[in-house]
PDB file of all heavy atoms in Angstrom:
ATOM      1  N   ILE A   1      56.327 150.269  56.976  1.00  0.00           N
ATOM      2  CA  ILE A   1      56.716 150.792  55.674  1.00  0.00           C
ATOM      3  C   ILE A   1      57.177 152.235  55.878  1.00  0.00           C
ATOM      4  O   ILE A   1      56.461 153.041  56.471  1.00  0.00           O
ATOM      5  CB  ILE A   1      55.551 150.740  54.672  1.00  0.00           C
ATOM      6  CG1 ILE A   1      55.110 149.297  54.469  1.00  0.00           C
ATOM      7  CG2 ILE A   1      55.953 151.386  53.343  1.00  0.00           C
ATOM      8  CD1 ILE A   1      53.841 149.144  53.674  1.00  0.00           C
ATOM      9  N   TYR A   2      58.379 152.522  55.388  1.00  0.00           N
ATOM     10  CA  TYR A   2      58.956 153.852  55.478  1.00  0.00           C
ATOM     11  C   TYR A   2      58.946 154.476  54.092  1.00  0.00           C
ATOM     12  O   TYR A   2      59.198 153.794  53.109  1.00  0.00           O
ATOM     13  CB  TYR A   2      60.386 153.788  56.015  1.00  0.00           C
ATOM     14  CG  TYR A   2      60.422 153.481  57.497  1.00  0.00           C
ATOM     15  CD1 TYR A   2      60.174 152.200  57.960  1.00  0.00           C
ATOM     16  CD2 TYR A   2      60.675 154.487  58.422  1.00  0.00           C
ATOM     17  CE1 TYR A   2      60.182 151.920  59.318  1.00  0.00           C
ATOM     18  CE2 TYR A   2      60.694 154.209  59.783  1.00  0.00           C
ATOM     19  CZ  TYR A   2      60.446 152.924  60.225  1.00  0.00           C
ATOM     20  OH  TYR A   2      60.447 152.651  61.564  1.00  0.00           O
ATOM     21  N   LYS A   3      58.648 155.772  54.043  1.00  0.00           N
ATOM     22  CA  LYS A   3      58.585 156.488  52.769  1.00  0.00           C
ATOM     23  C   LYS A   3      59.661 157.562  52.762  1.00  0.00           C
ATOM     24  O   LYS A   3      59.848 158.278  53.745  1.00  0.00           O
ATOM     25  CB  LYS A   3      57.207 157.115  52.597  1.00  0.00           C
ATOM     26  CG  LYS A   3      56.995 157.769  51.241  1.00  0.00           C
ATOM     27  CD  LYS A   3      55.606 158.341  51.105  1.00  0.00           C
ATOM     28  CE  LYS A   3      54.670 157.245  50.667  1.00  0.00           C
ATOM     29  NZ  LYS A   3      53.407 157.761  50.129  1.00  0.00           N
ATOM     30  N   CYS A   4      60.360 157.668  51.624  1.00  0.00           N
ATOM     31  CA  CYS A   4      61.369 158.712  51.463  1.00  0.00           C
ATOM     32  C   CYS A   4      60.654 160.061  51.360  1.00  0.00           C
ATOM     33  O   CYS A   4      59.724 160.209  50.564  1.00  0.00           O
ATOM     34  CB  CYS A   4      62.217 158.445  50.228  1.00  0.00           C
ATOM     35  SG  CYS A   4      63.514 159.672  49.998  1.00  0.00           S
ATOM     36  N   VAL A   5      61.087 161.015  52.165  1.00  0.00           N
ATOM     37  CA  VAL A   5      60.452 162.328  52.197  1.00  0.00           C
ATOM     38  C   VAL A   5      60.621 163.069  50.871  1.00  0.00           C
ATOM     39  O   VAL A   5      59.719 163.772  50.425  1.00  0.00           O
ATOM     40  CB  VAL A   5      61.026 163.169  53.363  1.00  0.00           C
ATOM     41  CG1 VAL A   5      60.476 164.577  53.355  1.00  0.00           C
ATOM     42  CG2 VAL A   5      60.753 162.488  54.699  1.00  0.00           C
ATOM     43  N   GLY A   6      61.755 162.876  50.197  1.00  0.00           N
ATOM     44  CA  GLY A   6      62.036 163.626  48.970  1.00  0.00           C
ATOM     45  C   GLY A   6      61.411 163.065  47.715  1.00  0.00           C
ATOM     46  O   GLY A   6      61.035 163.803  46.816  1.00  0.00           O
ATOM     47  N   CYS A   7      61.283 161.713  47.626  1.00  0.00           N
ATOM     48  CA  CYS A   7      60.822 161.129  46.350  1.00  0.00           C
ATOM     49  C   CYS A   7      59.673 160.129  46.495  1.00  0.00           C
ATOM     50  O   CYS A   7      59.199 159.588  45.508  1.00  0.00           O
ATOM     51  CB  CYS A   7      61.997 160.445  45.655  1.00  0.00           C
ATOM     52  SG  CYS A   7      62.598 158.968  46.502  1.00  0.00           S
ATOM     53  N   ASP A   8      59.228 159.856  47.716  1.00  0.00           N
ATOM     54  CA  ASP A   8      58.110 158.940  47.997  1.00  0.00           C
ATOM     55  C   ASP A   8      58.413 157.466  47.738  1.00  0.00           C
ATOM     56  O   ASP A   8      57.509 156.644  47.729  1.00  0.00           O
ATOM     57  CB  ASP A   8      56.842 159.338  47.233  1.00  0.00           C
ATOM     58  CG  ASP A   8      56.245 160.634  47.744  1.00  0.00           C
ATOM     59  OD1 ASP A   8      56.474 160.979  48.927  1.00  0.00           O
ATOM     60  OD2 ASP A   8      55.557 161.319  46.979  1.00  0.00           O
ATOM     61  N   LYS A   9      59.683 157.097  47.534  1.00  0.00           N
ATOM     62  CA  LYS A   9      60.047 155.682  47.418  1.00  0.00           C
ATOM     63  C   LYS A   9      59.741 155.024  48.765  1.00  0.00           C
ATOM     64  O   LYS A   9      59.915 155.632  49.809  1.00  0.00           O
ATOM     65  CB  LYS A   9      61.530 155.550  47.084  1.00  0.00           C
ATOM     66  CG  LYS A   9      61.970 154.115  46.878  1.00  0.00           C
ATOM     67  CD  LYS A   9      63.415 154.083  46.377  1.00  0.00           C
ATOM     68  CE  LYS A   9      63.863 152.682  46.093  1.00  0.00           C
ATOM     69  NZ  LYS A   9      63.230 152.075  44.933  1.00  0.00           N
ATOM     70  N   GLU A  10      59.265 153.782  48.748  1.00  0.00           N
ATOM     71  CA  GLU A  10      58.897 153.086  49.978  1.00  0.00           C
ATOM     72  C   GLU A  10      59.758 151.846  50.184  1.00  0.00           C
ATOM     73  O   GLU A  10      60.149 151.188  49.222  1.00  0.00           O
ATOM     74  CB  GLU A  10      57.425 152.672  49.931  1.00  0.00           C
ATOM     75  CG  GLU A  10      56.479 153.854  49.871  1.00  0.00           C
ATOM     76  CD  GLU A  10      55.027 153.444  49.727  1.00  0.00           C
ATOM     77  OE1 GLU A  10      54.732 152.231  49.618  1.00  0.00           O
ATOM     78  OE2 GLU A  10      54.176 154.343  49.709  1.00  0.00           O
ATOM     79  N   VAL A  11      60.053 151.548  51.457  1.00  0.00           N
ATOM     80  CA  VAL A  11      60.765 150.326  51.832  1.00  0.00           C
ATOM     81  C   VAL A  11      60.100 149.751  53.076  1.00  0.00           C
ATOM     82  O   VAL A  11      59.518 150.480  53.871  1.00  0.00           O
ATOM     83  CB  VAL A  11      62.266 150.554  52.114  1.00  0.00           C
ATOM     84  CG1 VAL A  11      63.011 150.971  50.877  1.00  0.00           C
ATOM     85  CG2 VAL A  11      62.480 151.539  53.239  1.00  0.00           C
ATOM     86  N   THR A  12      60.168 148.441  53.224  1.00  0.00           N
ATOM     87  CA  THR A  12      59.665 147.774  54.422  1.00  0.00           C
ATOM     88  C   THR A  12      60.849 147.481  55.325  1.00  0.00           C
ATOM     89  O   THR A  12      61.848 146.931  54.881  1.00  0.00           O
ATOM     90  CB  THR A  12      58.950 146.466  54.044  1.00  0.00           C
ATOM     91  OG1 THR A  12      57.899 146.773  53.125  1.00  0.00           O
ATOM     92  CG2 THR A  12      58.372 145.786  55.266  1.00  0.00           C
ATOM     93  N   ILE A  13      60.722 147.853  56.597  1.00  0.00           N
ATOM     94  CA  ILE A  13      61.803 147.680  57.557  1.00  0.00           C
ATOM     95  C   ILE A  13      61.263 146.958  58.786  1.00  0.00           C
ATOM     96  O   ILE A  13      60.207 147.309  59.312  1.00  0.00           O
ATOM     97  CB  ILE A  13      62.377 149.050  58.005  1.00  0.00           C
ATOM     98  CG1 ILE A  13      62.772 149.921  56.826  1.00  0.00           C
ATOM     99  CG2 ILE A  13      63.520 148.865  58.992  1.00  0.00           C
ATOM    100  CD1 ILE A  13      64.035 149.529  56.144  1.00  0.00           C
ATOM    101  N   ALA A  14      61.995 145.949  59.251  1.00  0.00           N
ATOM    102  CA  ALA A  14      61.647 145.270  60.500  1.00  0.00           C
ATOM    103  C   ALA A  14      62.110 146.146  61.667  1.00  0.00           C
ATOM    104  O   ALA A  14      63.121 146.842  61.569  1.00  0.00           O
ATOM    105  CB  ALA A  14      62.325 143.910  60.558  1.00  0.00           C
ATOM    106  N   GLY A  15      61.367 146.127  62.757  1.00  0.00           N
ATOM    107  CA  GLY A  15      61.731 146.908  63.929  1.00  0.00           C
ATOM    108  C   GLY A  15      63.127 146.568  64.415  1.00  0.00           C
ATOM    109  O   GLY A  15      63.530 145.405  64.450  1.00  0.00           O
ATOM    110  N   GLY A  16      63.904 147.596  64.764  1.00  0.00           N
ATOM    111  CA  GLY A  16      65.256 147.411  65.248  1.00  0.00           C
ATOM    112  C   GLY A  16      66.301 147.278  64.154  1.00  0.00           C
ATOM    113  O   GLY A  16      67.483 147.189  64.435  1.00  0.00           O
ATOM    114  N   LYS A  17      65.898 147.253  62.909  1.00  0.00           N
ATOM    115  CA  LYS A  17      66.830 147.162  61.776  1.00  0.00           C
ATOM    116  C   LYS A  17      67.225 148.557  61.316  1.00  0.00           C
ATOM    117  O   LYS A  17      66.662 149.554  61.748  1.00  0.00           O
ATOM    118  CB  LYS A  17      66.205 146.381  60.613  1.00  0.00           C
ATOM    119  CG  LYS A  17      65.838 144.963  60.970  1.00  0.00           C
ATOM    120  CD  LYS A  17      67.074 144.163  61.322  1.00  0.00           C
ATOM    121  CE  LYS A  17      66.687 142.724  61.619  1.00  0.00           C
ATOM    122  NZ  LYS A  17      67.794 141.904  62.033  1.00  0.00           N
ATOM    123  N   THR A  18      68.164 148.628  60.385  1.00  0.00           N
ATOM    124  CA  THR A  18      68.627 149.936  59.927  1.00  0.00           C
ATOM    125  C   THR A  18      67.956 150.350  58.623  1.00  0.00           C
ATOM    126  O   THR A  18      67.581 149.523  57.805  1.00  0.00           O
ATOM    127  CB  THR A  18      70.154 149.950  59.723  1.00  0.00           C
ATOM    128  OG1 THR A  18      70.501 148.928  58.803  1.00  0.00           O
ATOM    129  CG2 THR A  18      70.898 149.745  61.027  1.00  0.00           C
ATOM    130  N   ILE A  19      67.836 151.657  58.499  1.00  0.00           N
ATOM    131  CA  ILE A  19      67.314 152.270  57.277  1.00  0.00           C
ATOM    132  C   ILE A  19      68.327 152.002  56.159  1.00  0.00           C
ATOM    133  O   ILE A  19      69.528 151.939  56.414  1.00  0.00           O
ATOM    134  CB  ILE A  19      67.144 153.790  57.518  1.00  0.00           C
ATOM    135  CG1 ILE A  19      66.088 154.055  58.603  1.00  0.00           C
ATOM    136  CG2 ILE A  19      66.821 154.537  56.247  1.00  0.00           C
ATOM    137  CD1 ILE A  19      64.683 153.673  58.253  1.00  0.00           C
ATOM    138  N   PRO A  20      67.890 151.830  54.908  1.00  0.00           N
ATOM    139  CA  PRO A  20      68.828 151.564  53.813  1.00  0.00           C
ATOM    140  C   PRO A  20      69.949 152.605  53.743  1.00  0.00           C
ATOM    141  O   PRO A  20      69.732 153.775  54.068  1.00  0.00           O
ATOM    142  CB  PRO A  20      67.957 151.621  52.558  1.00  0.00           C
ATOM    143  CG  PRO A  20      66.590 151.296  53.038  1.00  0.00           C
ATOM    144  CD  PRO A  20      66.507 151.876  54.426  1.00  0.00           C
ATOM    145  N   PRO A  21      71.140 152.192  53.293  1.00  0.00           N
ATOM    146  CA  PRO A  21      72.271 153.121  53.190  1.00  0.00           C
ATOM    147  C   PRO A  21      72.054 154.177  52.102  1.00  0.00           C
ATOM    148  O   PRO A  21      71.142 154.058  51.287  1.00  0.00           O
ATOM    149  CB  PRO A  21      73.446 152.211  52.847  1.00  0.00           C
ATOM    150  CG  PRO A  21      72.827 151.025  52.199  1.00  0.00           C
ATOM    151  CD  PRO A  21      71.481 150.846  52.834  1.00  0.00           C
ATOM    152  N   GLN A  22      72.913 155.164  52.098  1.00  0.00           N
ATOM    153  CA  GLN A  22      72.825 156.285  51.151  1.00  0.00           C
ATOM    154  C   GLN A  22      72.766 155.817  49.701  1.00  0.00           C
ATOM    155  O   GLN A  22      72.081 156.409  48.875  1.00  0.00           O
ATOM    156  CB  GLN A  22      74.031 157.216  51.348  1.00  0.00           C
ATOM    157  CG  GLN A  22      74.023 158.454  50.474  1.00  0.00           C
ATOM    158  CD  GLN A  22      72.985 159.473  50.886  1.00  0.00           C
ATOM    159  OE1 GLN A  22      72.644 159.578  52.053  1.00  0.00           O
ATOM    160  NE2 GLN A  22      72.486 160.228  49.934  1.00  0.00           N
ATOM    161  N   ASN A  23      73.447 154.731  49.358  1.00  0.00           N
ATOM    162  CA  ASN A  23      73.486 154.281  47.963  1.00  0.00           C
ATOM    163  C   ASN A  23      72.273 153.426  47.565  1.00  0.00           C
ATOM    164  O   ASN A  23      72.228 152.897  46.478  1.00  0.00           O
ATOM    165  CB  ASN A  23      74.784 153.534  47.667  1.00  0.00           C
ATOM    166  CG  ASN A  23      74.914 152.254  48.457  1.00  0.00           C
ATOM    167  OD1 ASN A  23      74.052 151.917  49.275  1.00  0.00           O
ATOM    168  ND2 ASN A  23      76.004 151.538  48.252  1.00  0.00           N
ATOM    169  N   HIS A  24      71.282 153.320  48.436  1.00  0.00           N
ATOM    170  CA  HIS A  24      70.060 152.560  48.135  1.00  0.00           C
ATOM    171  C   HIS A  24      69.346 153.142  46.925  1.00  0.00           C
ATOM    172  O   HIS A  24      68.874 152.428  46.057  1.00  0.00           O
ATOM    173  CB  HIS A  24      69.143 152.558  49.358  1.00  0.00           C
ATOM    174  CG  HIS A  24      67.844 151.853  49.148  1.00  0.00           C
ATOM    175  ND1 HIS A  24      66.692 152.526  48.822  1.00  0.00           N
ATOM    176  CD2 HIS A  24      67.515 150.553  49.218  1.00  0.00           C
ATOM    177  CE1 HIS A  24      65.713 151.656  48.706  1.00  0.00           C
ATOM    178  NE2 HIS A  24      66.178 150.452  48.940  1.00  0.00           N
ATOM    179  N   HIS A  25      69.227 154.450  46.894  1.00  0.00           N
ATOM    180  CA  HIS A  25      68.694 155.152  45.730  1.00  0.00           C
ATOM    181  C   HIS A  25      69.247 156.568  45.747  1.00  0.00           C
ATOM    182  O   HIS A  25      69.785 157.010  46.747  1.00  0.00           O
ATOM    183  CB  HIS A  25      67.159 155.129  45.692  1.00  0.00           C
ATOM    184  CG  HIS A  25      66.475 155.981  46.706  1.00  0.00           C
ATOM    185  ND1 HIS A  25      66.363 155.652  48.044  1.00  0.00           N
ATOM    186  CD2 HIS A  25      65.852 157.171  46.562  1.00  0.00           C
ATOM    187  CE1 HIS A  25      65.690 156.598  48.672  1.00  0.00           C
ATOM    188  NE2 HIS A  25      65.377 157.532  47.809  1.00  0.00           N
ATOM    189  N   GLN A  26      69.137 157.272  44.633  1.00  0.00           N
ATOM    190  CA  GLN A  26      69.717 158.606  44.505  1.00  0.00           C
ATOM    191  C   GLN A  26      68.628 159.654  44.315  1.00  0.00           C
ATOM    192  O   GLN A  26      67.542 159.352  43.833  1.00  0.00           O
ATOM    193  CB  GLN A  26      70.689 158.647  43.321  1.00  0.00           C
ATOM    194  CG  GLN A  26      71.843 157.671  43.442  1.00  0.00           C
ATOM    195  CD  GLN A  26      72.667 157.913  44.686  1.00  0.00           C
ATOM    196  OE1 GLN A  26      73.045 159.040  44.979  1.00  0.00           O
ATOM    197  NE2 GLN A  26      72.937 156.855  45.439  1.00  0.00           N
ATOM    198  N   HIS A  27      68.954 160.867  44.707  1.00  0.00           N
ATOM    199  CA  HIS A  27      68.061 162.007  44.547  1.00  0.00           C
ATOM    200  C   HIS A  27      68.698 163.043  43.646  1.00  0.00           C
ATOM    201  O   HIS A  27      69.916 163.164  43.600  1.00  0.00           O
ATOM    202  CB  HIS A  27      67.816 162.681  45.898  1.00  0.00           C
ATOM    203  CG  HIS A  27      66.753 162.046  46.711  1.00  0.00           C
ATOM    204  ND1 HIS A  27      66.357 162.563  47.905  1.00  0.00           N
ATOM    205  CD2 HIS A  27      66.006 160.939  46.519  1.00  0.00           C
ATOM    206  CE1 HIS A  27      65.402 161.799  48.420  1.00  0.00           C
ATOM    207  NE2 HIS A  27      65.171 160.813  47.584  1.00  0.00           N
ATOM    208  N   SER A  28      67.846 163.832  43.026  1.00  0.00           N
ATOM    209  CA  SER A  28      68.325 165.034  42.340  1.00  0.00           C
ATOM    210  C   SER A  28      68.513 166.109  43.411  1.00  0.00           C
ATOM    211  O   SER A  28      68.022 165.969  44.537  1.00  0.00           O
ATOM    212  CB  SER A  28      67.294 165.500  41.311  1.00  0.00           C
ATOM    213  OG  SER A  28      66.127 165.967  41.969  1.00  0.00           O
ATOM    214  N   SER A  29      69.181 167.178  43.082  1.00  0.00           N
ATOM    215  CA  SER A  29      69.370 168.251  44.068  1.00  0.00           C
ATOM    216  C   SER A  29      68.029 168.865  44.474  1.00  0.00           C
ATOM    217  O   SER A  29      67.867 169.324  45.602  1.00  0.00           O
ATOM    218  CB  SER A  29      70.313 169.317  43.520  1.00  0.00           C
ATOM    219  OG  SER A  29      69.823 169.836  42.312  1.00  0.00           O
ATOM    220  N   ALA A  30      67.049 168.851  43.587  1.00  0.00           N
ATOM    221  CA  ALA A  30      65.727 169.392  43.906  1.00  0.00           C
ATOM    222  C   ALA A  30      65.004 168.563  44.972  1.00  0.00           C
ATOM    223  O   ALA A  30      64.175 169.088  45.711  1.00  0.00           O
ATOM    224  CB  ALA A  30      64.874 169.468  42.647  1.00  0.00           C
ATOM    225  N   GLN A  31      65.312 167.266  45.049  1.00  0.00           N
ATOM    226  CA  GLN A  31      64.657 166.396  46.031  1.00  0.00           C
ATOM    227  C   GLN A  31      65.307 166.465  47.407  1.00  0.00           C
ATOM    228  O   GLN A  31      64.748 165.986  48.370  1.00  0.00           O
ATOM    229  CB  GLN A  31      64.681 164.945  45.538  1.00  0.00           C
ATOM    230  CG  GLN A  31      63.828 164.719  44.318  1.00  0.00           C
ATOM    231  CD  GLN A  31      64.047 163.349  43.730  1.00  0.00           C
ATOM    232  OE1 GLN A  31      65.175 162.890  43.574  1.00  0.00           O
ATOM    233  NE2 GLN A  31      62.951 162.678  43.407  1.00  0.00           N
ATOM    234  N   GLY A  32      66.466 167.055  47.497  1.00  0.00           N
ATOM    235  CA  GLY A  32      67.144 167.194  48.787  1.00  0.00           C
ATOM    236  C   GLY A  32      67.785 165.896  49.228  1.00  0.00           C
ATOM    237  O   GLY A  32      67.872 164.926  48.473  1.00  0.00           O
ATOM    238  N   SER A  33      68.220 165.869  50.473  1.00  0.00           N
ATOM    239  CA  SER A  33      68.877 164.677  51.007  1.00  0.00           C
ATOM    240  C   SER A  33      67.861 163.547  51.229  1.00  0.00           C
ATOM    241  O   SER A  33      66.662 163.797  51.340  1.00  0.00           O
ATOM    242  CB  SER A  33      69.596 165.008  52.310  1.00  0.00           C
ATOM    243  OG  SER A  33      68.664 165.428  53.282  1.00  0.00           O
ATOM    244  N   ILE A  34      68.362 162.340  51.308  1.00  0.00           N
ATOM    245  CA  ILE A  34      67.491 161.178  51.522  1.00  0.00           C
ATOM    246  C   ILE A  34      67.115 161.124  52.994  1.00  0.00           C
ATOM    247  O   ILE A  34      67.967 161.099  53.876  1.00  0.00           O
ATOM    248  CB  ILE A  34      68.195 159.886  51.066  1.00  0.00           C
ATOM    249  CG1 ILE A  34      68.440 159.953  49.559  1.00  0.00           C
ATOM    250  CG2 ILE A  34      67.368 158.658  51.436  1.00  0.00           C
ATOM    251  CD1 ILE A  34      69.275 158.824  49.005  1.00  0.00           C
ATOM    252  N   ARG A  35      65.805 161.151  53.257  1.00  0.00           N
ATOM    253  CA  ARG A  35      65.257 161.105  54.610  1.00  0.00           C
ATOM    254  C   ARG A  35      64.047 160.193  54.595  1.00  0.00           C
ATOM    255  O   ARG A  35      63.261 160.220  53.660  1.00  0.00           O
ATOM    256  CB  ARG A  35      64.823 162.511  55.063  1.00  0.00           C
ATOM    257  CG  ARG A  35      65.950 163.493  55.032  1.00  0.00           C
ATOM    258  CD  ARG A  35      65.546 164.966  54.895  1.00  0.00           C
ATOM    259  NE  ARG A  35      64.350 165.400  54.209  1.00  0.00           N
ATOM    260  CZ  ARG A  35      64.243 165.613  52.901  1.00  0.00           C
ATOM    261  NH1 ARG A  35      65.220 165.365  52.075  1.00  0.00           N
ATOM    262  NH2 ARG A  35      63.126 166.068  52.390  1.00  0.00           N
ATOM    263  N   TRP A  36      63.897 159.388  55.613  1.00  0.00           N
ATOM    264  CA  TRP A  36      62.808 158.413  55.673  1.00  0.00           C
ATOM    265  C   TRP A  36      61.883 158.719  56.843  1.00  0.00           C
ATOM    266  O   TRP A  36      62.328 159.104  57.919  1.00  0.00           O
ATOM    267  CB  TRP A  36      63.378 157.014  55.861  1.00  0.00           C
ATOM    268  CG  TRP A  36      64.242 156.561  54.734  1.00  0.00           C
ATOM    269  CD1 TRP A  36      65.604 156.664  54.642  1.00  0.00           C
ATOM    270  CD2 TRP A  36      63.818 155.926  53.528  1.00  0.00           C
ATOM    271  NE1 TRP A  36      66.054 156.138  53.459  1.00  0.00           N
ATOM    272  CE2 TRP A  36      64.972 155.668  52.760  1.00  0.00           C
ATOM    273  CE3 TRP A  36      62.582 155.547  53.025  1.00  0.00           C
ATOM    274  CZ2 TRP A  36      64.920 155.046  51.517  1.00  0.00           C
ATOM    275  CZ3 TRP A  36      62.530 154.932  51.788  1.00  0.00           C
ATOM    276  CH2 TRP A  36      63.684 154.690  51.052  1.00  0.00           C
ATOM    277  N   GLN A  37      60.584 158.501  56.620  1.00  0.00           N
ATOM    278  CA  GLN A  37      59.583 158.656  57.669  1.00  0.00           C
ATOM    279  C   GLN A  37      58.653 157.451  57.632  1.00  0.00           C
ATOM    280  O   GLN A  37      58.309 156.951  56.559  1.00  0.00           O
ATOM    281  CB  GLN A  37      58.760 159.933  57.447  1.00  0.00           C
ATOM    282  CG  GLN A  37      58.861 160.872  58.592  1.00  0.00           C
ATOM    283  CD  GLN A  37      58.128 162.172  58.317  1.00  0.00           C
ATOM    284  OE1 GLN A  37      57.850 162.569  57.184  1.00  0.00           O
ATOM    285  NE2 GLN A  37      57.821 162.870  59.386  1.00  0.00           N
ATOM    286  N   LEU A  38      58.264 157.003  58.828  1.00  0.00           N
ATOM    287  CA  LEU A  38      57.331 155.890  58.927  1.00  0.00           C
ATOM    288  C   LEU A  38      56.005 156.283  58.280  1.00  0.00           C
ATOM    289  O   LEU A  38      55.467 157.361  58.549  1.00  0.00           O
ATOM    290  CB  LEU A  38      57.114 155.521  60.393  1.00  0.00           C
ATOM    291  CG  LEU A  38      56.244 154.310  60.676  1.00  0.00           C
ATOM    292  CD1 LEU A  38      56.871 153.040  60.098  1.00  0.00           C
ATOM    293  CD2 LEU A  38      56.017 154.152  62.171  1.00  0.00           C
ATOM    294  N   PHE A  39      55.501 155.433  57.415  1.00  0.00           N
ATOM    295  CA  PHE A  39      54.242 155.685  56.711  1.00  0.00           C
ATOM    296  C   PHE A  39      53.158 154.717  57.180  1.00  0.00           C
ATOM    297  O   PHE A  39      52.008 155.093  57.389  1.00  0.00           O
ATOM    298  CB  PHE A  39      54.468 155.575  55.205  1.00  0.00           C
ATOM    299  CG  PHE A  39      53.251 155.834  54.379  1.00  0.00           C
ATOM    300  CD1 PHE A  39      52.696 157.094  54.328  1.00  0.00           C
ATOM    301  CD2 PHE A  39      52.646 154.818  53.650  1.00  0.00           C
ATOM    302  CE1 PHE A  39      51.559 157.356  53.565  1.00  0.00           C
ATOM    303  CE2 PHE A  39      51.512 155.065  52.909  1.00  0.00           C
ATOM    304  CZ  PHE A  39      50.968 156.326  52.867  1.00  0.00           C
TER     305      PHE A  39
END
């Protein structure tokens, strides 16, 4: 499970697959760019 650093949205990713594209969800300017970290 990966968590978005800016908004805490979570996604499940299989090993070797790609992180969701930029249009998966949107951020406000206060949340910064979309970045994912393994949770």
